[in-house]
PDB file of N, CA and C in Angstrom:
ATOM      1  N   MET A   1      -7.976 -37.277 -11.812  1.00  0.00           N
ATOM      2  CA  MET A   1      -8.607 -37.194 -10.541  1.00  0.00           C
ATOM      3  C   MET A   1      -7.625 -36.948  -9.422  1.00  0.00           C
ATOM      4  N   SER A   2      -6.462 -37.562  -9.548  1.00  0.00           N
ATOM      5  CA  SER A   2      -5.456 -37.383  -8.480  1.00  0.00           C
ATOM      6  C   SER A   2      -4.990 -35.886  -8.396  1.00  0.00           C
ATOM      7  N   GLU A   3      -4.887 -35.266  -9.521  1.00  0.00           N
ATOM      8  CA  GLU A   3      -4.507 -33.774  -9.501  1.00  0.00           C
ATOM      9  C   GLU A   3      -5.548 -32.937  -8.809  1.00  0.00           C
ATOM     10  N   GLU A   4      -6.782 -33.288  -9.043  1.00  0.00           N
ATOM     11  CA  GLU A   4      -7.855 -32.521  -8.338  1.00  0.00           C
ATOM     12  C   GLU A   4      -7.829 -32.806  -6.853  1.00  0.00           C
ATOM     13  N   ASN A   5      -7.511 -34.077  -6.500  1.00  0.00           N
ATOM     14  CA  ASN A   5      -7.362 -34.403  -5.068  1.00  0.00           C
ATOM     15  C   ASN A   5      -6.228 -33.604  -4.439  1.00  0.00           C
ATOM     16  N   GLU A   6      -5.152 -33.560  -5.151  1.00  0.00           N
ATOM     17  CA  GLU A   6      -3.991 -32.812  -4.570  1.00  0.00           C
ATOM     18  C   GLU A   6      -4.259 -31.328  -4.436  1.00  0.00           C
ATOM     19  N   MET A   7      -4.995 -30.741  -5.380  1.00  0.00           N
ATOM     20  CA  MET A   7      -5.422 -29.377  -5.205  1.00  0.00           C
ATOM     21  C   MET A   7      -6.339 -29.179  -3.996  1.00  0.00           C
ATOM     22  N   LEU A   8      -7.284 -30.089  -3.910  1.00  0.00           N
ATOM     23  CA  LEU A   8      -8.251 -30.008  -2.754  1.00  0.00           C
ATOM     24  C   LEU A   8      -7.490 -30.112  -1.480  1.00  0.00           C
ATOM     25  N   LEU A   9      -6.559 -31.041  -1.351  1.00  0.00           N
ATOM     26  CA  LEU A   9      -5.780 -31.187  -0.097  1.00  0.00           C
ATOM     27  C   LEU A   9      -4.894 -30.016   0.130  1.00  0.00           C
ATOM     28  N   LEU A  10      -4.334 -29.417  -0.833  1.00  0.00           N
ATOM     29  CA  LEU A  10      -3.544 -28.194  -0.729  1.00  0.00           C
ATOM     30  C   LEU A  10      -4.412 -27.040  -0.277  1.00  0.00           C
ATOM     31  N   LEU A  11      -5.618 -26.882  -0.807  1.00  0.00           N
ATOM     32  CA  LEU A  11      -6.485 -25.852  -0.374  1.00  0.00           C
ATOM     33  C   LEU A  11      -6.909 -25.998   1.081  1.00  0.00           C
ATOM     34  N   LYS A  12      -7.195 -27.228   1.487  1.00  0.00           N
ATOM     35  CA  LYS A  12      -7.556 -27.538   2.861  1.00  0.00           C
ATOM     36  C   LYS A  12      -6.410 -27.231   3.773  1.00  0.00           C
ATOM     37  N   GLU A  13      -5.226 -27.526   3.409  1.00  0.00           N
ATOM     38  CA  GLU A  13      -4.064 -27.262   4.195  1.00  0.00           C
ATOM     39  C   GLU A  13      -3.847 -25.722   4.327  1.00  0.00           C
ATOM     40  N   LEU A  14      -4.018 -24.971   3.260  1.00  0.00           N
ATOM     41  CA  LEU A  14      -3.859 -23.556   3.333  1.00  0.00           C
ATOM     42  C   LEU A  14      -4.945 -22.842   4.200  1.00  0.00           C
ATOM     43  N   VAL A  15      -6.162 -23.377   4.061  1.00  0.00           N
ATOM     44  CA  VAL A  15      -7.261 -22.839   4.858  1.00  0.00           C
ATOM     45  C   VAL A  15      -6.995 -23.052   6.342  1.00  0.00           C
ATOM     46  N   SER A  16      -6.479 -24.269   6.703  1.00  0.00           N
ATOM     47  CA  SER A  16      -6.252 -24.547   8.099  1.00  0.00           C
ATOM     48  C   SER A  16      -5.075 -23.696   8.615  1.00  0.00           C
ATOM     49  N   LYS A  17      -4.056 -23.422   7.721  1.00  0.00           N
ATOM     50  CA  LYS A  17      -2.958 -22.580   8.163  1.00  0.00           C
ATOM     51  C   LYS A  17      -3.423 -21.125   8.346  1.00  0.00           C
ATOM     52  N   VAL A  18      -4.301 -20.643   7.512  1.00  0.00           N
ATOM     53  CA  VAL A  18      -4.813 -19.258   7.663  1.00  0.00           C
ATOM     54  C   VAL A  18      -5.618 -19.181   8.914  1.00  0.00           C
ATOM     55  N   LYS A  19      -6.454 -20.186   9.153  1.00  0.00           N
ATOM     56  CA  LYS A  19      -7.279 -20.191  10.456  1.00  0.00           C
ATOM     57  C   LYS A  19      -6.418 -20.159  11.652  1.00  0.00           C
ATOM     58  N   ASN A  20      -5.369 -20.969  11.654  1.00  0.00           N
ATOM     59  CA  ASN A  20      -4.453 -21.002  12.803  1.00  0.00           C
ATOM     60  C   ASN A  20      -3.717 -19.616  12.976  1.00  0.00           C
ATOM     61  N   LEU A  21      -3.304 -19.028  11.827  1.00  0.00           N
ATOM     62  CA  LEU A  21      -2.701 -17.749  11.923  1.00  0.00           C
ATOM     63  C   LEU A  21      -3.653 -16.722  12.471  1.00  0.00           C
ATOM     64  N   GLU A  22      -4.908 -16.692  12.014  1.00  0.00           N
ATOM     65  CA  GLU A  22      -5.905 -15.723  12.529  1.00  0.00           C
ATOM     66  C   GLU A  22      -6.101 -15.969  14.049  1.00  0.00           C
ATOM     67  N   GLU A  23      -6.185 -17.179  14.408  1.00  0.00           N
ATOM     68  CA  GLU A  23      -6.387 -17.458  15.904  1.00  0.00           C
ATOM     69  C   GLU A  23      -5.189 -16.941  16.715  1.00  0.00           C
ATOM     70  N   SER A  24      -4.004 -17.068  16.165  1.00  0.00           N
ATOM     71  CA  SER A  24      -2.815 -16.617  16.980  1.00  0.00           C
ATOM     72  C   SER A  24      -2.781 -15.110  16.950  1.00  0.00           C
ATOM     73  N   VAL A  25      -3.133 -14.436  15.860  1.00  0.00           N
ATOM     74  CA  VAL A  25      -3.117 -12.954  15.823  1.00  0.00           C
ATOM     75  C   VAL A  25      -4.194 -12.397  16.756  1.00  0.00           C
ATOM     76  N   TYR A  26      -5.359 -12.912  16.703  1.00  0.00           N
ATOM     77  CA  TYR A  26      -6.498 -12.289  17.444  1.00  0.00           C
ATOM     78  C   TYR A  26      -6.684 -12.889  18.812  1.00  0.00           C
ATOM     79  N   HIS A  27      -5.813 -13.798  19.261  1.00  0.00           N
ATOM     80  CA  HIS A  27      -5.920 -14.313  20.653  1.00  0.00           C
ATOM     81  C   HIS A  27      -5.713 -13.266  21.634  1.00  0.00           C
ATOM     82  N   LYS A  28      -6.447 -13.271  22.692  1.00  0.00           N
ATOM     83  CA  LYS A  28      -6.448 -12.129  23.679  1.00  0.00           C
ATOM     84  C   LYS A  28      -5.066 -12.072  24.386  1.00  0.00           C
ATOM     85  N   ASP A  29      -4.298 -13.144  24.449  1.00  0.00           N
ATOM     86  CA  ASP A  29      -3.062 -13.153  25.161  1.00  0.00           C
ATOM     87  C   ASP A  29      -1.868 -13.032  24.197  1.00  0.00           C
ATOM     88  N   ASN A  30      -2.118 -12.653  22.998  1.00  0.00           N
ATOM     89  CA  ASN A  30      -1.007 -12.513  21.937  1.00  0.00           C
ATOM     90  C   ASN A  30      -0.086 -11.361  22.304  1.00  0.00           C
ATOM     91  N   LEU A  31       1.195 -11.601  22.296  1.00  0.00           N
ATOM     92  CA  LEU A  31       2.175 -10.584  22.533  1.00  0.00           C
ATOM     93  C   LEU A  31       2.287  -9.562  21.470  1.00  0.00           C
ATOM     94  N   LEU A  32       1.986  -9.952  20.239  1.00  0.00           N
ATOM     95  CA  LEU A  32       2.015  -8.899  19.143  1.00  0.00           C
ATOM     96  C   LEU A  32       1.006  -7.855  19.330  1.00  0.00           C
ATOM     97  N   MET A  33      -0.226  -8.289  19.702  1.00  0.00           N
ATOM     98  CA  MET A  33      -1.313  -7.340  19.943  1.00  0.00           C
ATOM     99  C   MET A  33      -1.017  -6.439  21.148  1.00  0.00           C
ATOM    100  N   LYS A  34      -0.449  -7.042  22.197  1.00  0.00           N
ATOM    101  CA  LYS A  34      -0.115  -6.275  23.393  1.00  0.00           C
ATOM    102  C   LYS A  34       1.003  -5.268  23.136  1.00  0.00           C
ATOM    103  N   ALA A  35       1.924  -5.645  22.279  1.00  0.00           N
ATOM    104  CA  ALA A  35       3.067  -4.755  22.011  1.00  0.00           C
ATOM    105  C   ALA A  35       2.630  -3.663  21.057  1.00  0.00           C
ATOM    106  N   GLY A  36       1.486  -3.735  20.421  1.00  0.00           N
ATOM    107  CA  GLY A  36       1.069  -2.734  19.515  1.00  0.00           C
ATOM    108  C   GLY A  36       1.534  -2.904  18.127  1.00  0.00           C
ATOM    109  N   LEU A  37       2.188  -4.087  17.834  1.00  0.00           N
ATOM    110  CA  LEU A  37       2.703  -4.282  16.490  1.00  0.00           C
ATOM    111  C   LEU A  37       1.583  -4.677  15.466  1.00  0.00           C
ATOM    112  N   VAL A  38       0.457  -5.208  15.980  1.00  0.00           N
ATOM    113  CA  VAL A  38      -0.622  -5.561  15.166  1.00  0.00           C
ATOM    114  C   VAL A  38      -1.843  -4.707  15.691  1.00  0.00           C
ATOM    115  N   VAL A  39      -2.302  -3.782  14.829  1.00  0.00           N
ATOM    116  CA  VAL A  39      -3.428  -2.908  15.205  1.00  0.00           C
ATOM    117  C   VAL A  39      -4.643  -3.053  14.296  1.00  0.00           C
ATOM    118  N   VAL A  40      -5.726  -2.761  14.858  1.00  0.00           N
ATOM    119  CA  VAL A  40      -7.028  -2.899  14.046  1.00  0.00           C
ATOM    120  C   VAL A  40      -7.188  -1.632  13.156  1.00  0.00           C
ATOM    121  N   ASN A  41      -7.033  -0.505  13.751  1.00  0.00           N
ATOM    122  CA  ASN A  41      -7.233   0.772  13.030  1.00  0.00           C
ATOM    123  C   ASN A  41      -5.892   1.423  12.855  1.00  0.00           C
ATOM    124  N   SER A  42      -5.447   1.521  11.632  1.00  0.00           N
ATOM    125  CA  SER A  42      -4.130   2.209  11.415  1.00  0.00           C
ATOM    126  C   SER A  42      -4.431   3.582  10.758  1.00  0.00           C
ATOM    127  N   PRO A  43      -3.504   4.502  11.007  1.00  0.00           N
ATOM    128  CA  PRO A  43      -3.707   5.838  10.450  1.00  0.00           C
ATOM    129  C   PRO A  43      -3.570   5.851   8.963  1.00  0.00           C
ATOM    130  N   SER A  44      -4.374   6.681   8.311  1.00  0.00           N
ATOM    131  CA  SER A  44      -4.286   6.858   6.837  1.00  0.00           C
ATOM    132  C   SER A  44      -3.393   8.061   6.531  1.00  0.00           C
ATOM    133  N   PRO A  45      -2.560   7.931   5.500  1.00  0.00           N
ATOM    134  CA  PRO A  45      -1.697   9.037   5.134  1.00  0.00           C
ATOM    135  C   PRO A  45      -2.533  10.194   4.558  1.00  0.00           C
ATOM    136  N   LEU A  46      -2.108  11.445   4.774  1.00  0.00           N
ATOM    137  CA  LEU A  46      -2.807  12.578   4.274  1.00  0.00           C
ATOM    138  C   LEU A  46      -1.878  13.459   3.496  1.00  0.00           C
ATOM    139  N   MET A  47      -2.211  13.779   2.307  1.00  0.00           N
ATOM    140  CA  MET A  47      -1.370  14.705   1.523  1.00  0.00           C
ATOM    141  C   MET A  47      -1.964  16.104   1.588  1.00  0.00           C
ATOM    142  N   ASP A  48      -1.186  17.061   1.890  1.00  0.00           N
ATOM    143  CA  ASP A  48      -1.564  18.433   2.020  1.00  0.00           C
ATOM    144  C   ASP A  48      -0.885  19.147   0.906  1.00  0.00           C
ATOM    145  N   ASN A  49      -1.528  19.635  -0.141  1.00  0.00           N
ATOM    146  CA  ASN A  49      -0.949  20.299  -1.264  1.00  0.00           C
ATOM    147  C   ASN A  49      -0.961  21.831  -1.045  1.00  0.00           C
ATOM    148  N   SER A  50      -1.523  22.298   0.056  1.00  0.00           N
ATOM    149  CA  SER A  50      -1.606  23.788   0.210  1.00  0.00           C
ATOM    150  C   SER A  50      -0.299  24.362   0.605  1.00  0.00           C
ATOM    151  N   ASN A  51       0.742  23.598   1.050  1.00  0.00           N
ATOM    152  CA  ASN A  51       1.952  24.116   1.518  1.00  0.00           C
ATOM    153  C   ASN A  51       3.055  24.126   0.435  1.00  0.00           C
ATOM    154  N   ILE A  52       2.723  23.738  -0.780  1.00  0.00           N
ATOM    155  CA  ILE A  52       3.711  23.663  -1.868  1.00  0.00           C
ATOM    156  C   ILE A  52       3.945  25.074  -2.368  1.00  0.00           C
ATOM    157  N   PRO A  53       5.226  25.543  -2.359  1.00  0.00           N
ATOM    158  CA  PRO A  53       5.391  26.932  -2.892  1.00  0.00           C
ATOM    159  C   PRO A  53       5.317  26.923  -4.388  1.00  0.00           C
ATOM    160  N   MET A  54       4.620  27.838  -4.960  1.00  0.00           N
ATOM    161  CA  MET A  54       4.528  27.996  -6.389  1.00  0.00           C
ATOM    162  C   MET A  54       4.966  29.350  -6.839  1.00  0.00           C
ATOM    163  N   GLY A  55       5.644  30.070  -6.019  1.00  0.00           N
ATOM    164  CA  GLY A  55       6.048  31.450  -6.338  1.00  0.00           C
ATOM    165  C   GLY A  55       6.817  31.633  -7.604  1.00  0.00           C
ATOM    166  N   GLY A  56       8.173  31.585  -7.580  1.00  0.00           N
ATOM    167  CA  GLY A  56       8.976  31.780  -8.730  1.00  0.00           C
ATOM    168  C   GLY A  56       9.183  30.552  -9.542  1.00  0.00           C
ATOM    169  N   SER A  57       8.413  29.505  -9.301  1.00  0.00           N
ATOM    170  CA  SER A  57       8.655  28.255 -10.053  1.00  0.00           C
ATOM    171  C   SER A  57       8.114  28.366 -11.401  1.00  0.00           C
ATOM    172  N   THR A  58       8.808  27.526 -12.346  1.00  0.00           N
ATOM    173  CA  THR A  58       8.275  27.525 -13.713  1.00  0.00           C
ATOM    174  C   THR A  58       7.109  26.573 -13.944  1.00  0.00           C
ATOM    175  N   ILE A  59       6.722  25.833 -12.907  1.00  0.00           N
ATOM    176  CA  ILE A  59       5.601  24.873 -12.978  1.00  0.00           C
ATOM    177  C   ILE A  59       4.390  25.566 -12.486  1.00  0.00           C
ATOM    178  N   LYS A  60       3.274  25.403 -13.257  1.00  0.00           N
ATOM    179  CA  LYS A  60       2.003  26.062 -12.938  1.00  0.00           C
ATOM    180  C   LYS A  60       0.870  25.024 -12.942  1.00  0.00           C
ATOM    181  N   LYS A  61      -0.105  25.293 -12.201  1.00  0.00           N
ATOM    182  CA  LYS A  61      -1.234  24.301 -12.188  1.00  0.00           C
ATOM    183  C   LYS A  61      -1.980  24.193 -13.488  1.00  0.00           C
ATOM    184  N   SER A  62      -2.022  25.263 -14.266  1.00  0.00           N
ATOM    185  CA  SER A  62      -2.743  25.209 -15.506  1.00  0.00           C
ATOM    186  C   SER A  62      -1.821  25.077 -16.736  1.00  0.00           C
ATOM    187  N   MET A  63      -0.806  24.257 -16.584  1.00  0.00           N
ATOM    188  CA  MET A  63       0.188  24.084 -17.689  1.00  0.00           C
ATOM    189  C   MET A  63      -0.321  23.150 -18.695  1.00  0.00           C
ATOM    190  N   GLU A  64       0.003  23.479 -19.969  1.00  0.00           N
ATOM    191  CA  GLU A  64      -0.309  22.664 -21.124  1.00  0.00           C
ATOM    192  C   GLU A  64       0.865  21.697 -21.362  1.00  0.00           C
ATOM    193  N   TRP A  65       0.620  20.663 -22.148  1.00  0.00           N
ATOM    194  CA  TRP A  65       1.630  19.717 -22.494  1.00  0.00           C
ATOM    195  C   TRP A  65       2.732  20.392 -23.310  1.00  0.00           C
ATOM    196  N   ASP A  66       2.376  21.313 -24.188  1.00  0.00           N
ATOM    197  CA  ASP A  66       3.383  21.983 -24.966  1.00  0.00           C
ATOM    198  C   ASP A  66       4.341  22.758 -24.082  1.00  0.00           C
ATOM    199  N   ASP A  67       3.802  23.358 -23.029  1.00  0.00           N
ATOM    200  CA  ASP A  67       4.666  24.126 -22.055  1.00  0.00           C
ATOM    201  C   ASP A  67       5.660  23.140 -21.297  1.00  0.00           C
ATOM    202  N   ILE A  68       5.075  22.001 -20.995  1.00  0.00           N
ATOM    203  CA  ILE A  68       5.919  21.013 -20.340  1.00  0.00           C
ATOM    204  C   ILE A  68       7.042  20.534 -21.211  1.00  0.00           C
ATOM    205  N   HIS A  69       6.725  20.232 -22.489  1.00  0.00           N
ATOM    206  CA  HIS A  69       7.772  19.826 -23.458  1.00  0.00           C
ATOM    207  C   HIS A  69       8.815  20.909 -23.691  1.00  0.00           C
ATOM    208  N   ASP A  70       8.372  22.163 -23.668  1.00  0.00           N
ATOM    209  CA  ASP A  70       9.308  23.241 -23.759  1.00  0.00           C
ATOM    210  C   ASP A  70      10.319  23.261 -22.639  1.00  0.00           C
ATOM    211  N   ILE A  71       9.799  23.144 -21.425  1.00  0.00           N
ATOM    212  CA  ILE A  71      10.649  23.133 -20.213  1.00  0.00           C
ATOM    213  C   ILE A  71      11.602  21.949 -20.267  1.00  0.00           C
ATOM    214  N   VAL A  72      11.189  20.787 -20.668  1.00  0.00           N
ATOM    215  CA  VAL A  72      12.045  19.626 -20.745  1.00  0.00           C
ATOM    216  C   VAL A  72      13.124  19.865 -21.779  1.00  0.00           C
ATOM    217  N   ASN A  73      12.749  20.391 -22.899  1.00  0.00           N
ATOM    218  CA  ASN A  73      13.738  20.678 -23.947  1.00  0.00           C
ATOM    219  C   ASN A  73      14.810  21.653 -23.493  1.00  0.00           C
ATOM    220  N   ASN A  74      14.356  22.684 -22.767  1.00  0.00           N
ATOM    221  CA  ASN A  74      15.301  23.671 -22.153  1.00  0.00           C
ATOM    222  C   ASN A  74      16.218  23.037 -21.124  1.00  0.00           C
ATOM    223  N   MET A  75      15.785  22.065 -20.399  1.00  0.00           N
ATOM    224  CA  MET A  75      16.552  21.364 -19.380  1.00  0.00           C
ATOM    225  C   MET A  75      17.609  20.451 -20.131  1.00  0.00           C
ATOM    226  N   GLU A  76      17.263  19.948 -21.262  1.00  0.00           N
ATOM    227  CA  GLU A  76      18.210  19.027 -21.976  1.00  0.00           C
ATOM    228  C   GLU A  76      19.346  19.761 -22.585  1.00  0.00           C
ATOM    229  N   ARG A  77      19.159  21.001 -22.842  1.00  0.00           N
ATOM    230  CA  ARG A  77      20.227  21.784 -23.509  1.00  0.00           C
ATOM    231  C   ARG A  77      21.353  22.157 -22.594  1.00  0.00           C
TER     232      ARG A  77
END
């Protein structure tokens, strides 16, 4: 029973710390929010594959595994 009590107390302590942290982050006078270090909406990264040059390269979009193994074997020689 004492182990369950300890776990319960630990969980209560963690919950209270998380609540205090949330209050400090979202408080209207918080310096982190004013400085812009904590933002609600952050930009999402975007990968653009259209600018990758495929001209004289040995790599093709429709390459088979056998072709890839051949290229690797040629590179090892």
